[in-house]
Amino acid sequence: MINPKTAITALWFTLTCFVIFGSFILKNQVHDLEHELARINRTITSDMQNIHILKAEWGRLNTPERLRKLAGEHTSLNKLKAEQIINYSALPFENESGVATAFSEQSNKNLKQLVKTQR
């Protein structure tokens, strides 16, 4: 039969080995997590620098003078003439029943003038 003192010593030795082994595993996990945290922090710093650069670039690209110049170069729009402006009431809206409202004679003339000036 096993001596109780030997059994207790074996039990303490086994528990000590488990604690040492568990501490070793925990230390390695913490080490890996610290490396991952450092990597994430480097990524965040890099992203913040990139955002700063992109904001500066957006501010330069979005200036009204530059946009006006680009619009003039890439679109063939003419300046707005007074004849092209019509009254809000002359716009064709549908009423609640779904039937289009009738235009007044003046509205029809304004629309015809608008079509002529655009040709």
PDB file of N, CA and C in Angstrom:
ATOM      1  N   MET A   1       0.815  -1.162   0.000  1.00  0.00           N
ATOM      2  CA  MET A   1       0.000   0.000   0.000  1.00  0.00           C
ATOM      3  C   MET A   1       0.876   1.249   0.000  1.00  0.00           C
ATOM      4  N   ILE A   2       0.325   2.332  -0.526  1.00  0.00           N
ATOM      5  CA  ILE A   2       1.108   3.552  -0.662  1.00  0.00           C
ATOM      6  C   ILE A   2       1.051   4.321   0.648  1.00  0.00           C
ATOM      7  N   ASN A   3       2.190   4.805   1.023  1.00  0.00           N
ATOM      8  CA  ASN A   3       2.317   5.610   2.232  1.00  0.00           C
ATOM      9  C   ASN A   3       1.585   6.939   2.007  1.00  0.00           C
ATOM     10  N   PRO A   4       0.744   7.445   2.966  1.00  0.00           N
ATOM     11  CA  PRO A   4       0.018   8.689   2.773  1.00  0.00           C
ATOM     12  C   PRO A   4       0.956   9.863   2.544  1.00  0.00           C
ATOM     13  N   LYS A   5       2.109   9.867   3.177  1.00  0.00           N
ATOM     14  CA  LYS A   5       3.064  10.965   2.984  1.00  0.00           C
ATOM     15  C   LYS A   5       3.576  10.969   1.549  1.00  0.00           C
ATOM     16  N   THR A   6       3.809   9.816   0.981  1.00  0.00           N
ATOM     17  CA  THR A   6       4.262   9.700  -0.406  1.00  0.00           C
ATOM     18  C   THR A   6       3.160  10.133  -1.358  1.00  0.00           C
ATOM     19  N   ALA A   7       1.932   9.754  -1.054  1.00  0.00           N
ATOM     20  CA  ALA A   7       0.797  10.121  -1.908  1.00  0.00           C
ATOM     21  C   ALA A   7       0.607  11.637  -1.907  1.00  0.00           C
ATOM     22  N   ILE A   8       0.687  12.263  -0.730  1.00  0.00           N
ATOM     23  CA  ILE A   8       0.534  13.721  -0.647  1.00  0.00           C
ATOM     24  C   ILE A   8       1.669  14.415  -1.376  1.00  0.00           C
ATOM     25  N   THR A   9       2.872  13.909  -1.255  1.00  0.00           N
ATOM     26  CA  THR A   9       4.021  14.485  -1.955  1.00  0.00           C
ATOM     27  C   THR A   9       3.834  14.359  -3.467  1.00  0.00           C
ATOM     28  N   ALA A  10       3.369  13.206  -3.930  1.00  0.00           N
ATOM     29  CA  ALA A  10       3.130  12.998  -5.362  1.00  0.00           C
ATOM     30  C   ALA A  10       2.032  13.934  -5.862  1.00  0.00           C
ATOM     31  N   LEU A  11       0.982  14.105  -5.028  1.00  0.00           N
ATOM     32  CA  LEU A  11      -0.114  14.997  -5.392  1.00  0.00           C
ATOM     33  C   LEU A  11       0.374  16.442  -5.515  1.00  0.00           C
ATOM     34  N   TRP A  12       1.158  16.919  -4.553  1.00  0.00           N
ATOM     35  CA  TRP A  12       1.698  18.268  -4.607  1.00  0.00           C
ATOM     36  C   TRP A  12       2.647  18.436  -5.790  1.00  0.00           C
ATOM     37  N   PHE A  13       3.437  17.431  -6.065  1.00  0.00           N
ATOM     38  CA  PHE A  13       4.352  17.497  -7.217  1.00  0.00           C
ATOM     39  C   PHE A  13       3.554  17.599  -8.517  1.00  0.00           C
ATOM     40  N   THR A  14       2.482  16.808  -8.631  1.00  0.00           N
ATOM     41  CA  THR A  14       1.642  16.833  -9.836  1.00  0.00           C
ATOM     42  C   THR A  14       0.952  18.195  -9.975  1.00  0.00           C
ATOM     43  N   LEU A  15       0.398  18.712  -8.889  1.00  0.00           N
ATOM     44  CA  LEU A  15      -0.256  20.028  -8.942  1.00  0.00           C
ATOM     45  C   LEU A  15       0.742  21.125  -9.299  1.00  0.00           C
ATOM     46  N   THR A  16       1.953  21.042  -8.751  1.00  0.00           N
ATOM     47  CA  THR A  16       2.982  22.020  -9.072  1.00  0.00           C
ATOM     48  C   THR A  16       3.328  21.965 -10.558  1.00  0.00           C
ATOM     49  N   CYS A  17       3.431  20.755 -11.104  1.00  0.00           N
ATOM     50  CA  CYS A  17       3.716  20.615 -12.549  1.00  0.00           C
ATOM     51  C   CYS A  17       2.596  21.208 -13.389  1.00  0.00           C
ATOM     52  N   PHE A  18       1.317  20.989 -12.990  1.00  0.00           N
ATOM     53  CA  PHE A  18       0.194  21.561 -13.726  1.00  0.00           C
ATOM     54  C   PHE A  18       0.215  23.092 -13.664  1.00  0.00           C
ATOM     55  N   VAL A  19       0.519  23.634 -12.500  1.00  0.00           N
ATOM     56  CA  VAL A  19       0.567  25.089 -12.363  1.00  0.00           C
ATOM     57  C   VAL A  19       1.698  25.662 -13.215  1.00  0.00           C
ATOM     58  N   ILE A  20       2.857  25.019 -13.198  1.00  0.00           N
ATOM     59  CA  ILE A  20       3.994  25.490 -14.011  1.00  0.00           C
ATOM     60  C   ILE A  20       3.646  25.412 -15.493  1.00  0.00           C
ATOM     61  N   PHE A  21       3.056  24.279 -15.906  1.00  0.00           N
ATOM     62  CA  PHE A  21       2.682  24.105 -17.308  1.00  0.00           C
ATOM     63  C   PHE A  21       1.611  25.138 -17.704  1.00  0.00           C
ATOM     64  N   GLY A  22       0.619  25.362 -16.851  1.00  0.00           N
ATOM     65  CA  GLY A  22      -0.434  26.358 -17.124  1.00  0.00           C
ATOM     66  C   GLY A  22       0.140  27.765 -17.207  1.00  0.00           C
ATOM     67  N   SER A  23       1.079  28.083 -16.318  1.00  0.00           N
ATOM     68  CA  SER A  23       1.717  29.411 -16.348  1.00  0.00           C
ATOM     69  C   SER A  23       2.503  29.601 -17.636  1.00  0.00           C
ATOM     70  N   PHE A  24       3.183  28.545 -18.093  1.00  0.00           N
ATOM     71  CA  PHE A  24       3.935  28.614 -19.341  1.00  0.00           C
ATOM     72  C   PHE A  24       3.010  28.872 -20.518  1.00  0.00           C
ATOM     73  N   ILE A  25       1.882  28.172 -20.568  1.00  0.00           N
ATOM     74  CA  ILE A  25       0.911  28.362 -21.659  1.00  0.00           C
ATOM     75  C   ILE A  25       0.331  29.775 -21.600  1.00  0.00           C
ATOM     76  N   LEU A  26      -0.033  30.228 -20.400  1.00  0.00           N
ATOM     77  CA  LEU A  26      -0.595  31.564 -20.242  1.00  0.00           C
ATOM     78  C   LEU A  26       0.406  32.644 -20.653  1.00  0.00           C
ATOM     79  N   LYS A  27       1.686  32.442 -20.303  1.00  0.00           N
ATOM     80  CA  LYS A  27       2.730  33.403 -20.674  1.00  0.00           C
ATOM     81  C   LYS A  27       2.849  33.497 -22.197  1.00  0.00           C
ATOM     82  N   ASN A  28       2.796  32.362 -22.878  1.00  0.00           N
ATOM     83  CA  ASN A  28       2.888  32.370 -24.341  1.00  0.00           C
ATOM     84  C   ASN A  28       1.675  33.036 -24.978  1.00  0.00           C
ATOM     85  N   GLN A  29       0.480  32.806 -24.412  1.00  0.00           N
ATOM     86  CA  GLN A  29      -0.714  33.454 -24.955  1.00  0.00           C
ATOM     87  C   GLN A  29      -0.645  34.971 -24.770  1.00  0.00           C
ATOM     88  N   VAL A  30      -0.201  35.415 -23.609  1.00  0.00           N
ATOM     89  CA  VAL A  30      -0.060  36.848 -23.361  1.00  0.00           C
ATOM     90  C   VAL A  30       0.969  37.451 -24.307  1.00  0.00           C
ATOM     91  N   HIS A  31       2.055  36.752 -24.544  1.00  0.00           N
ATOM     92  CA  HIS A  31       3.098  37.221 -25.464  1.00  0.00           C
ATOM     93  C   HIS A  31       2.529  37.372 -26.870  1.00  0.00           C
ATOM     94  N   ASP A  32       1.754  36.385 -27.320  1.00  0.00           N
ATOM     95  CA  ASP A  32       1.146  36.469 -28.653  1.00  0.00           C
ATOM     96  C   ASP A  32       0.152  37.629 -28.738  1.00  0.00           C
ATOM     97  N   LEU A  33      -0.635  37.820 -27.674  1.00  0.00           N
ATOM     98  CA  LEU A  33      -1.601  38.916 -27.677  1.00  0.00           C
ATOM     99  C   LEU A  33      -0.909  40.277 -27.661  1.00  0.00           C
ATOM    100  N   GLU A  34       0.209  40.389 -26.981  1.00  0.00           N
ATOM    101  CA  GLU A  34       0.970  41.645 -26.992  1.00  0.00           C
ATOM    102  C   GLU A  34       1.504  41.956 -28.381  1.00  0.00           C
ATOM    103  N   HIS A  35       1.967  40.922 -29.090  1.00  0.00           N
ATOM    104  CA  HIS A  35       2.439  41.128 -30.465  1.00  0.00           C
ATOM    105  C   HIS A  35       1.282  41.546 -31.369  1.00  0.00           C
ATOM    106  N   GLU A  36       0.118  40.931 -31.183  1.00  0.00           N
ATOM    107  CA  GLU A  36      -1.043  41.293 -31.995  1.00  0.00           C
ATOM    108  C   GLU A  36      -1.476  42.728 -31.691  1.00  0.00           C
ATOM    109  N   LEU A  37      -1.452  43.104 -30.416  1.00  0.00           N
ATOM    110  CA  LEU A  37      -1.800  44.473 -30.040  1.00  0.00           C
ATOM    111  C   LEU A  37      -0.828  45.475 -30.651  1.00  0.00           C
ATOM    112  N   ALA A  38       0.444  45.171 -30.642  1.00  0.00           N
ATOM    113  CA  ALA A  38       1.439  46.065 -31.246  1.00  0.00           C
ATOM    114  C   ALA A  38       1.195  46.199 -32.747  1.00  0.00           C
ATOM    115  N   ARG A  39       0.853  45.083 -33.403  1.00  0.00           N
ATOM    116  CA  ARG A  39       0.572  45.109 -34.842  1.00  0.00           C
ATOM    117  C   ARG A  39      -0.662  45.963 -35.125  1.00  0.00           C
ATOM    118  N   ILE A  40      -1.694  45.799 -34.311  1.00  0.00           N
ATOM    119  CA  ILE A  40      -2.923  46.571 -34.499  1.00  0.00           C
ATOM    120  C   ILE A  40      -2.654  48.057 -34.274  1.00  0.00           C
ATOM    121  N   ASN A  41      -1.857  48.383 -33.265  1.00  0.00           N
ATOM    122  CA  ASN A  41      -1.528  49.791 -33.014  1.00  0.00           C
ATOM    123  C   ASN A  41      -0.740  50.398 -34.166  1.00  0.00           C
ATOM    124  N   ARG A  42       0.172  49.615 -34.756  1.00  0.00           N
ATOM    125  CA  ARG A  42       0.908  50.112 -35.930  1.00  0.00           C
ATOM    126  C   ARG A  42      -0.051  50.341 -37.095  1.00  0.00           C
ATOM    127  N   THR A  43      -0.999  49.440 -37.279  1.00  0.00           N
ATOM    128  CA  THR A  43      -1.974  49.587 -38.348  1.00  0.00           C
ATOM    129  C   THR A  43      -2.841  50.828 -38.123  1.00  0.00           C
ATOM    130  N   ILE A  44      -3.264  51.038 -36.886  1.00  0.00           N
ATOM    131  CA  ILE A  44      -4.074  52.222 -36.573  1.00  0.00           C
ATOM    132  C   ILE A  44      -3.296  53.498 -36.850  1.00  0.00           C
ATOM    133  N   THR A  45      -2.042  53.538 -36.448  1.00  0.00           N
ATOM    134  CA  THR A  45      -1.209  54.716 -36.690  1.00  0.00           C
ATOM    135  C   THR A  45      -1.056  54.966 -38.190  1.00  0.00           C
ATOM    136  N   SER A  46      -0.820  53.904 -38.928  1.00  0.00           N
ATOM    137  CA  SER A  46      -0.680  54.033 -40.383  1.00  0.00           C
ATOM    138  C   SER A  46      -1.984  54.520 -41.013  1.00  0.00           C
ATOM    139  N   ASP A  47      -3.111  53.967 -40.560  1.00  0.00           N
ATOM    140  CA  ASP A  47      -4.405  54.394 -41.101  1.00  0.00           C
ATOM    141  C   ASP A  47      -4.694  55.853 -40.766  1.00  0.00           C
ATOM    142  N   MET A  48      -4.347  56.281 -39.563  1.00  0.00           N
ATOM    143  CA  MET A  48      -4.561  57.682 -39.190  1.00  0.00           C
ATOM    144  C   MET A  48      -3.724  58.615 -40.050  1.00  0.00           C
ATOM    145  N   GLN A  49      -2.491  58.221 -40.362  1.00  0.00           N
ATOM    146  CA  GLN A  49      -1.650  59.033 -41.239  1.00  0.00           C
ATOM    147  C   GLN A  49      -2.240  59.081 -42.645  1.00  0.00           C
ATOM    148  N   ASN A  50      -2.739  57.946 -43.118  1.00  0.00           N
ATOM    149  CA  ASN A  50      -3.347  57.913 -44.445  1.00  0.00           C
ATOM    150  C   ASN A  50      -4.607  58.768 -44.490  1.00  0.00           C
ATOM    151  N   ILE A  51      -5.400  58.737 -43.435  1.00  0.00           N
ATOM    152  CA  ILE A  51      -6.606  59.566 -43.384  1.00  0.00           C
ATOM    153  C   ILE A  51      -6.226  61.044 -43.401  1.00  0.00           C
ATOM    154  N   HIS A  52      -5.200  61.400 -42.669  1.00  0.00           N
ATOM    155  CA  HIS A  52      -4.743  62.792 -42.648  1.00  0.00           C
ATOM    156  C   HIS A  52      -4.314  63.236 -44.046  1.00  0.00           C
ATOM    157  N   ILE A  53      -3.587  62.381 -44.731  1.00  0.00           N
ATOM    158  CA  ILE A  53      -3.142  62.696 -46.095  1.00  0.00           C
ATOM    159  C   ILE A  53      -4.338  62.808 -47.036  1.00  0.00           C
ATOM    160  N   LEU A  54      -5.291  61.880 -46.907  1.00  0.00           N
ATOM    161  CA  LEU A  54      -6.464  61.911 -47.782  1.00  0.00           C
ATOM    162  C   LEU A  54      -7.326  63.144 -47.530  1.00  0.00           C
ATOM    163  N   LYS A  55      -7.442  63.568 -46.271  1.00  0.00           N
ATOM    164  CA  LYS A  55      -8.199  64.787 -45.981  1.00  0.00           C
ATOM    165  C   LYS A  55      -7.529  66.005 -46.605  1.00  0.00           C
ATOM    166  N   ALA A  56      -6.217  66.070 -46.522  1.00  0.00           N
ATOM    167  CA  ALA A  56      -5.498  67.189 -47.132  1.00  0.00           C
ATOM    168  C   ALA A  56      -5.673  67.163 -48.653  1.00  0.00           C
ATOM    169  N   GLU A  57      -5.597  65.998 -49.234  1.00  0.00           N
ATOM    170  CA  GLU A  57      -5.756  65.873 -50.686  1.00  0.00           C
ATOM    171  C   GLU A  57      -7.181  66.228 -51.102  1.00  0.00           C
ATOM    172  N   TRP A  58      -8.171  65.794 -50.307  1.00  0.00           N
ATOM    173  CA  TRP A  58      -9.564  66.111 -50.608  1.00  0.00           C
ATOM    174  C   TRP A  58      -9.793  67.617 -50.529  1.00  0.00           C
ATOM    175  N   GLY A  59      -9.184  68.256 -49.532  1.00  0.00           N
ATOM    176  CA  GLY A  59      -9.322  69.701 -49.413  1.00  0.00           C
ATOM    177  C   GLY A  59      -8.752  70.428 -50.614  1.00  0.00           C
ATOM    178  N   ARG A  60      -7.654  69.929 -51.148  1.00  0.00           N
ATOM    179  CA  ARG A  60      -7.051  70.553 -52.325  1.00  0.00           C
ATOM    180  C   ARG A  60      -7.893  70.277 -53.567  1.00  0.00           C
ATOM    181  N   LEU A  61      -8.388  69.041 -53.710  1.00  0.00           N
ATOM    182  CA  LEU A  61      -9.146  68.691 -54.906  1.00  0.00           C
ATOM    183  C   LEU A  61     -10.543  69.296 -54.926  1.00  0.00           C
ATOM    184  N   ASN A  62     -11.055  69.667 -53.783  1.00  0.00           N
ATOM    185  CA  ASN A  62     -12.429  70.127 -53.690  1.00  0.00           C
ATOM    186  C   ASN A  62     -12.551  71.643 -53.631  1.00  0.00           C
ATOM    187  N   THR A  63     -11.530  72.363 -54.020  1.00  0.00           N
ATOM    188  CA  THR A  63     -11.608  73.824 -54.000  1.00  0.00           C
ATOM    189  C   THR A  63     -12.557  74.303 -55.100  1.00  0.00           C
ATOM    190  N   PRO A  64     -13.333  75.342 -54.837  1.00  0.00           N
ATOM    191  CA  PRO A  64     -14.302  75.823 -55.831  1.00  0.00           C
ATOM    192  C   PRO A  64     -13.642  76.272 -57.135  1.00  0.00           C
ATOM    193  N   GLU A  65     -12.470  76.883 -57.040  1.00  0.00           N
ATOM    194  CA  GLU A  65     -11.805  77.343 -58.267  1.00  0.00           C
ATOM    195  C   GLU A  65     -11.448  76.159 -59.169  1.00  0.00           C
ATOM    196  N   ARG A  66     -10.915  75.119 -58.568  1.00  0.00           N
ATOM    197  CA  ARG A  66     -10.529  73.933 -59.340  1.00  0.00           C
ATOM    198  C   ARG A  66     -11.760  73.254 -59.940  1.00  0.00           C
ATOM    199  N   LEU A  67     -12.831  73.138 -59.146  1.00  0.00           N
ATOM    200  CA  LEU A  67     -14.049  72.506 -59.642  1.00  0.00           C
ATOM    201  C   LEU A  67     -14.677  73.321 -60.767  1.00  0.00           C
ATOM    202  N   ARG A  68     -14.628  74.635 -60.645  1.00  0.00           N
ATOM    203  CA  ARG A  68     -15.168  75.494 -61.697  1.00  0.00           C
ATOM    204  C   ARG A  68     -14.365  75.314 -62.988  1.00  0.00           C
ATOM    205  N   LYS A  69     -13.041  75.227 -62.857  1.00  0.00           N
ATOM    206  CA  LYS A  69     -12.178  75.045 -64.028  1.00  0.00           C
ATOM    207  C   LYS A  69     -12.450  73.691 -64.685  1.00  0.00           C
ATOM    208  N   LEU A  70     -12.559  72.642 -63.880  1.00  0.00           N
ATOM    209  CA  LEU A  70     -12.829  71.311 -64.427  1.00  0.00           C
ATOM    210  C   LEU A  70     -14.206  71.241 -65.078  1.00  0.00           C
ATOM    211  N   ALA A  71     -15.195  71.875 -64.464  1.00  0.00           N
ATOM    212  CA  ALA A  71     -16.534  71.886 -65.051  1.00  0.00           C
ATOM    213  C   ALA A  71     -16.516  72.594 -66.397  1.00  0.00           C
ATOM    214  N   GLY A  72     -15.755  73.673 -66.489  1.00  0.00           N
ATOM    215  CA  GLY A  72     -15.656  74.381 -67.763  1.00  0.00           C
ATOM    216  C   GLY A  72     -14.953  73.561 -68.829  1.00  0.00           C
ATOM    217  N   GLU A  73     -13.963  72.777 -68.431  1.00  0.00           N
ATOM    218  CA  GLU A  73     -13.207  71.976 -69.397  1.00  0.00           C
ATOM    219  C   GLU A  73     -13.979  70.737 -69.859  1.00  0.00           C
ATOM    220  N   HIS A  74     -14.724  70.119 -68.973  1.00  0.00           N
ATOM    221  CA  HIS A  74     -15.299  68.807 -69.279  1.00  0.00           C
ATOM    222  C   HIS A  74     -16.797  68.816 -69.543  1.00  0.00           C
ATOM    223  N   THR A  75     -17.439  69.947 -69.419  1.00  0.00           N
ATOM    224  CA  THR A  75     -18.856  70.016 -69.768  1.00  0.00           C
ATOM    225  C   THR A  75     -19.049  71.108 -70.794  1.00  0.00           C
ATOM    226  N   SER A  76     -20.077  70.939 -71.576  1.00  0.00           N
ATOM    227  CA  SER A  76     -20.362  71.944 -72.605  1.00  0.00           C
ATOM    228  C   SER A  76     -21.618  72.715 -72.218  1.00  0.00           C
ATOM    229  N   LEU A  77     -21.664  73.178 -70.992  1.00  0.00           N
ATOM    230  CA  LEU A  77     -22.814  73.938 -70.524  1.00  0.00           C
ATOM    231  C   LEU A  77     -22.628  75.416 -70.826  1.00  0.00           C
ATOM    232  N   ASN A  78     -23.718  76.034 -71.248  1.00  0.00           N
ATOM    233  CA  ASN A  78     -23.710  77.473 -71.474  1.00  0.00           C
ATOM    234  C   ASN A  78     -24.251  78.151 -70.225  1.00  0.00           C
ATOM    235  N   LYS A  79     -24.000  79.434 -70.120  1.00  0.00           N
ATOM    236  CA  LYS A  79     -24.523  80.167 -68.972  1.00  0.00           C
ATOM    237  C   LYS A  79     -26.038  80.228 -69.058  1.00  0.00           C
ATOM    238  N   LEU A  80     -26.665  80.293 -67.922  1.00  0.00           N
ATOM    239  CA  LEU A  80     -28.117  80.330 -67.817  1.00  0.00           C
ATOM    240  C   LEU A  80     -28.647  81.675 -68.288  1.00  0.00           C
ATOM    241  N   LYS A  81     -29.687  81.626 -69.122  1.00  0.00           N
ATOM    242  CA  LYS A  81     -30.325  82.853 -69.617  1.00  0.00           C
ATOM    243  C   LYS A  81     -31.625  83.073 -68.859  1.00  0.00           C
ATOM    244  N   ALA A  82     -32.051  84.289 -68.803  1.00  0.00           N
ATOM    245  CA  ALA A  82     -33.276  84.635 -68.075  1.00  0.00           C
ATOM    246  C   ALA A  82     -34.499  83.946 -68.677  1.00  0.00           C
ATOM    247  N   GLU A  83     -34.502  83.716 -69.982  1.00  0.00           N
ATOM    248  CA  GLU A  83     -35.644  83.091 -70.642  1.00  0.00           C
ATOM    249  C   GLU A  83     -35.803  81.626 -70.234  1.00  0.00           C
ATOM    250  N   GLN A  84     -34.739  81.037 -69.740  1.00  0.00           N
ATOM    251  CA  GLN A  84     -34.789  79.630 -69.370  1.00  0.00           C
ATOM    252  C   GLN A  84     -35.412  79.405 -67.995  1.00  0.00           C
ATOM    253  N   ILE A  85     -35.635  80.456 -67.259  1.00  0.00           N
ATOM    254  CA  ILE A  85     -36.184  80.335 -65.916  1.00  0.00           C
ATOM    255  C   ILE A  85     -37.694  80.441 -66.001  1.00  0.00           C
ATOM    256  N   ILE A  86     -38.391  79.460 -65.415  1.00  0.00           N
ATOM    257  CA  ILE A  86     -39.852  79.498 -65.414  1.00  0.00           C
ATOM    258  C   ILE A  86     -40.333  79.545 -63.976  1.00  0.00           C
ATOM    259  N   ASN A  87     -41.582  79.866 -63.809  1.00  0.00           N
ATOM    260  CA  ASN A  87     -42.193  79.980 -62.500  1.00  0.00           C
ATOM    261  C   ASN A  87     -42.453  78.571 -61.942  1.00  0.00           C
ATOM    262  N   TYR A  88     -42.418  78.453 -60.632  1.00  0.00           N
ATOM    263  CA  TYR A  88     -42.646  77.162 -59.978  1.00  0.00           C
ATOM    264  C   TYR A  88     -44.036  76.626 -60.288  1.00  0.00           C
ATOM    265  N   SER A  89     -45.010  77.508 -60.388  1.00  0.00           N
ATOM    266  CA  SER A  89     -46.387  77.067 -60.658  1.00  0.00           C
ATOM    267  C   SER A  89     -46.541  76.517 -62.070  1.00  0.00           C
ATOM    268  N   ALA A  90     -45.599  76.793 -62.956  1.00  0.00           N
ATOM    269  CA  ALA A  90     -45.691  76.307 -64.326  1.00  0.00           C
ATOM    270  C   ALA A  90     -45.180  74.876 -64.475  1.00  0.00           C
ATOM    271  N   LEU A  91     -44.608  74.319 -63.436  1.00  0.00           N
ATOM    272  CA  LEU A  91     -44.095  72.955 -63.516  1.00  0.00           C
ATOM    273  C   LEU A  91     -45.236  71.955 -63.532  1.00  0.00           C
ATOM    274  N   PRO A  92     -45.125  70.880 -64.323  1.00  0.00           N
ATOM    275  CA  PRO A  92     -46.223  69.909 -64.427  1.00  0.00           C
ATOM    276  C   PRO A  92     -46.225  68.938 -63.242  1.00  0.00           C
ATOM    277  N   PHE A  93     -47.114  69.159 -62.283  1.00  0.00           N
ATOM    278  CA  PHE A  93     -47.279  68.261 -61.146  1.00  0.00           C
ATOM    279  C   PHE A  93     -48.603  67.529 -61.276  1.00  0.00           C
ATOM    280  N   GLU A  94     -48.685  66.377 -60.658  1.00  0.00           N
ATOM    281  CA  GLU A  94     -49.939  65.631 -60.651  1.00  0.00           C
ATOM    282  C   GLU A  94     -50.656  65.902 -59.342  1.00  0.00           C
ATOM    283  N   ASN A  95     -51.991  66.038 -59.428  1.00  0.00           N
ATOM    284  CA  ASN A  95     -52.740  66.257 -58.197  1.00  0.00           C
ATOM    285  C   ASN A  95     -53.025  64.918 -57.520  1.00  0.00           C
ATOM    286  N   GLU A  96     -53.825  64.922 -56.452  1.00  0.00           N
ATOM    287  CA  GLU A  96     -54.049  63.723 -55.653  1.00  0.00           C
ATOM    288  C   GLU A  96     -54.713  62.596 -56.433  1.00  0.00           C
ATOM    289  N   SER A  97     -55.538  62.920 -57.404  1.00  0.00           N
ATOM    290  CA  SER A  97     -56.253  61.887 -58.150  1.00  0.00           C
ATOM    291  C   SER A  97     -55.385  61.267 -59.239  1.00  0.00           C
ATOM    292  N   GLY A  98     -54.216  61.793 -59.485  1.00  0.00           N
ATOM    293  CA  GLY A  98     -53.307  61.225 -60.473  1.00  0.00           C
ATOM    294  C   GLY A  98     -53.446  61.846 -61.840  1.00  0.00           C
ATOM    295  N   VAL A  99     -54.356  62.764 -62.025  1.00  0.00           N
ATOM    296  CA  VAL A  99     -54.550  63.426 -63.307  1.00  0.00           C
ATOM    297  C   VAL A  99     -53.658  64.660 -63.338  1.00  0.00           C
ATOM    298  N   ALA A 100     -52.969  64.868 -64.439  1.00  0.00           N
ATOM    299  CA  ALA A 100     -52.071  66.021 -64.553  1.00  0.00           C
ATOM    300  C   ALA A 100     -52.881  67.305 -64.556  1.00  0.00           C
ATOM    301  N   THR A 101     -52.366  68.311 -63.874  1.00  0.00           N
ATOM    302  CA  THR A 101     -53.054  69.606 -63.830  1.00  0.00           C
ATOM    303  C   THR A 101     -52.906  70.316 -65.164  1.00  0.00           C
ATOM    304  N   ALA A 102     -53.893  71.129 -65.471  1.00  0.00           N
ATOM    305  CA  ALA A 102     -53.875  71.866 -66.743  1.00  0.00           C
ATOM    306  C   ALA A 102     -52.958  73.068 -66.616  1.00  0.00           C
ATOM    307  N   PHE A 103     -52.256  73.334 -67.710  1.00  0.00           N
ATOM    308  CA  PHE A 103     -51.361  74.485 -67.729  1.00  0.00           C
ATOM    309  C   PHE A 103     -52.129  75.710 -68.195  1.00  0.00           C
ATOM    310  N   SER A 104     -51.709  76.808 -67.689  1.00  0.00           N
ATOM    311  CA  SER A 104     -52.300  78.063 -68.165  1.00  0.00           C
ATOM    312  C   SER A 104     -51.660  78.417 -69.510  1.00  0.00           C
ATOM    313  N   GLU A 105     -52.258  79.349 -70.191  1.00  0.00           N
ATOM    314  CA  GLU A 105     -51.746  79.765 -71.500  1.00  0.00           C
ATOM    315  C   GLU A 105     -50.348  80.356 -71.381  1.00  0.00           C
ATOM    316  N   GLN A 106     -50.122  81.117 -70.320  1.00  0.00           N
ATOM    317  CA  GLN A 106     -48.808  81.729 -70.108  1.00  0.00           C
ATOM    318  C   GLN A 106     -47.749  80.658 -69.863  1.00  0.00           C
ATOM    319  N   SER A 107     -48.075  79.608 -69.118  1.00  0.00           N
ATOM    320  CA  SER A 107     -47.125  78.535 -68.840  1.00  0.00           C
ATOM    321  C   SER A 107     -46.721  77.829 -70.123  1.00  0.00           C
ATOM    322  N   ASN A 108     -47.683  77.593 -70.998  1.00  0.00           N
ATOM    323  CA  ASN A 108     -47.371  76.953 -72.274  1.00  0.00           C
ATOM    324  C   ASN A 108     -46.434  77.811 -73.105  1.00  0.00           C
ATOM    325  N   LYS A 109     -46.650  79.128 -73.105  1.00  0.00           N
ATOM    326  CA  LYS A 109     -45.769  80.021 -73.848  1.00  0.00           C
ATOM    327  C   LYS A 109     -44.352  79.987 -73.280  1.00  0.00           C
ATOM    328  N   ASN A 110     -44.258  79.989 -71.946  1.00  0.00           N
ATOM    329  CA  ASN A 110     -42.935  79.932 -71.313  1.00  0.00           C
ATOM    330  C   ASN A 110     -42.207  78.644 -71.672  1.00  0.00           C
ATOM    331  N   LEU A 111     -42.908  77.531 -71.661  1.00  0.00           N
ATOM    332  CA  LEU A 111     -42.289  76.252 -72.001  1.00  0.00           C
ATOM    333  C   LEU A 111     -41.867  76.218 -73.469  1.00  0.00           C
ATOM    334  N   LYS A 112     -42.696  76.782 -74.347  1.00  0.00           N
ATOM    335  CA  LYS A 112     -42.336  76.820 -75.765  1.00  0.00           C
ATOM    336  C   LYS A 112     -41.111  77.696 -75.992  1.00  0.00           C
ATOM    337  N   GLN A 113     -41.028  78.821 -75.272  1.00  0.00           N
ATOM    338  CA  GLN A 113     -39.858  79.689 -75.385  1.00  0.00           C
ATOM    339  C   GLN A 113     -38.613  78.951 -74.894  1.00  0.00           C
ATOM    340  N   LEU A 114     -38.767  78.209 -73.846  1.00  0.00           N
ATOM    341  CA  LEU A 114     -37.652  77.463 -73.293  1.00  0.00           C
ATOM    342  C   LEU A 114     -37.120  76.437 -74.299  1.00  0.00           C
ATOM    343  N   VAL A 115     -38.033  75.763 -74.958  1.00  0.00           N
ATOM    344  CA  VAL A 115     -37.622  74.773 -75.954  1.00  0.00           C
ATOM    345  C   VAL A 115     -36.936  75.459 -77.129  1.00  0.00           C
ATOM    346  N   LYS A 116     -37.459  76.614 -77.563  1.00  0.00           N
ATOM    347  CA  LYS A 116     -36.845  77.326 -78.683  1.00  0.00           C
ATOM    348  C   LYS A 116     -35.443  77.809 -78.338  1.00  0.00           C
ATOM    349  N   THR A 117     -35.263  78.317 -77.138  1.00  0.00           N
ATOM    350  CA  THR A 117     -33.944  78.851 -76.783  1.00  0.00           C
ATOM    351  C   THR A 117     -32.917  77.732 -76.617  1.00  0.00           C
ATOM    352  N   GLN A 118     -33.374  76.555 -76.285  1.00  0.00           N
ATOM    353  CA  GLN A 118     -32.426  75.452 -76.140  1.00  0.00           C
ATOM    354  C   GLN A 118     -32.005  74.857 -77.461  1.00  0.00           C
ATOM    355  N   ARG A 119     -32.792  75.092 -78.482  1.00  0.00           N
ATOM    356  CA  ARG A 119     -32.430  74.564 -79.816  1.00  0.00           C
ATOM    357  C   ARG A 119     -31.393  75.452 -80.380  1.00  0.00           C
TER     358      ARG A 119
END
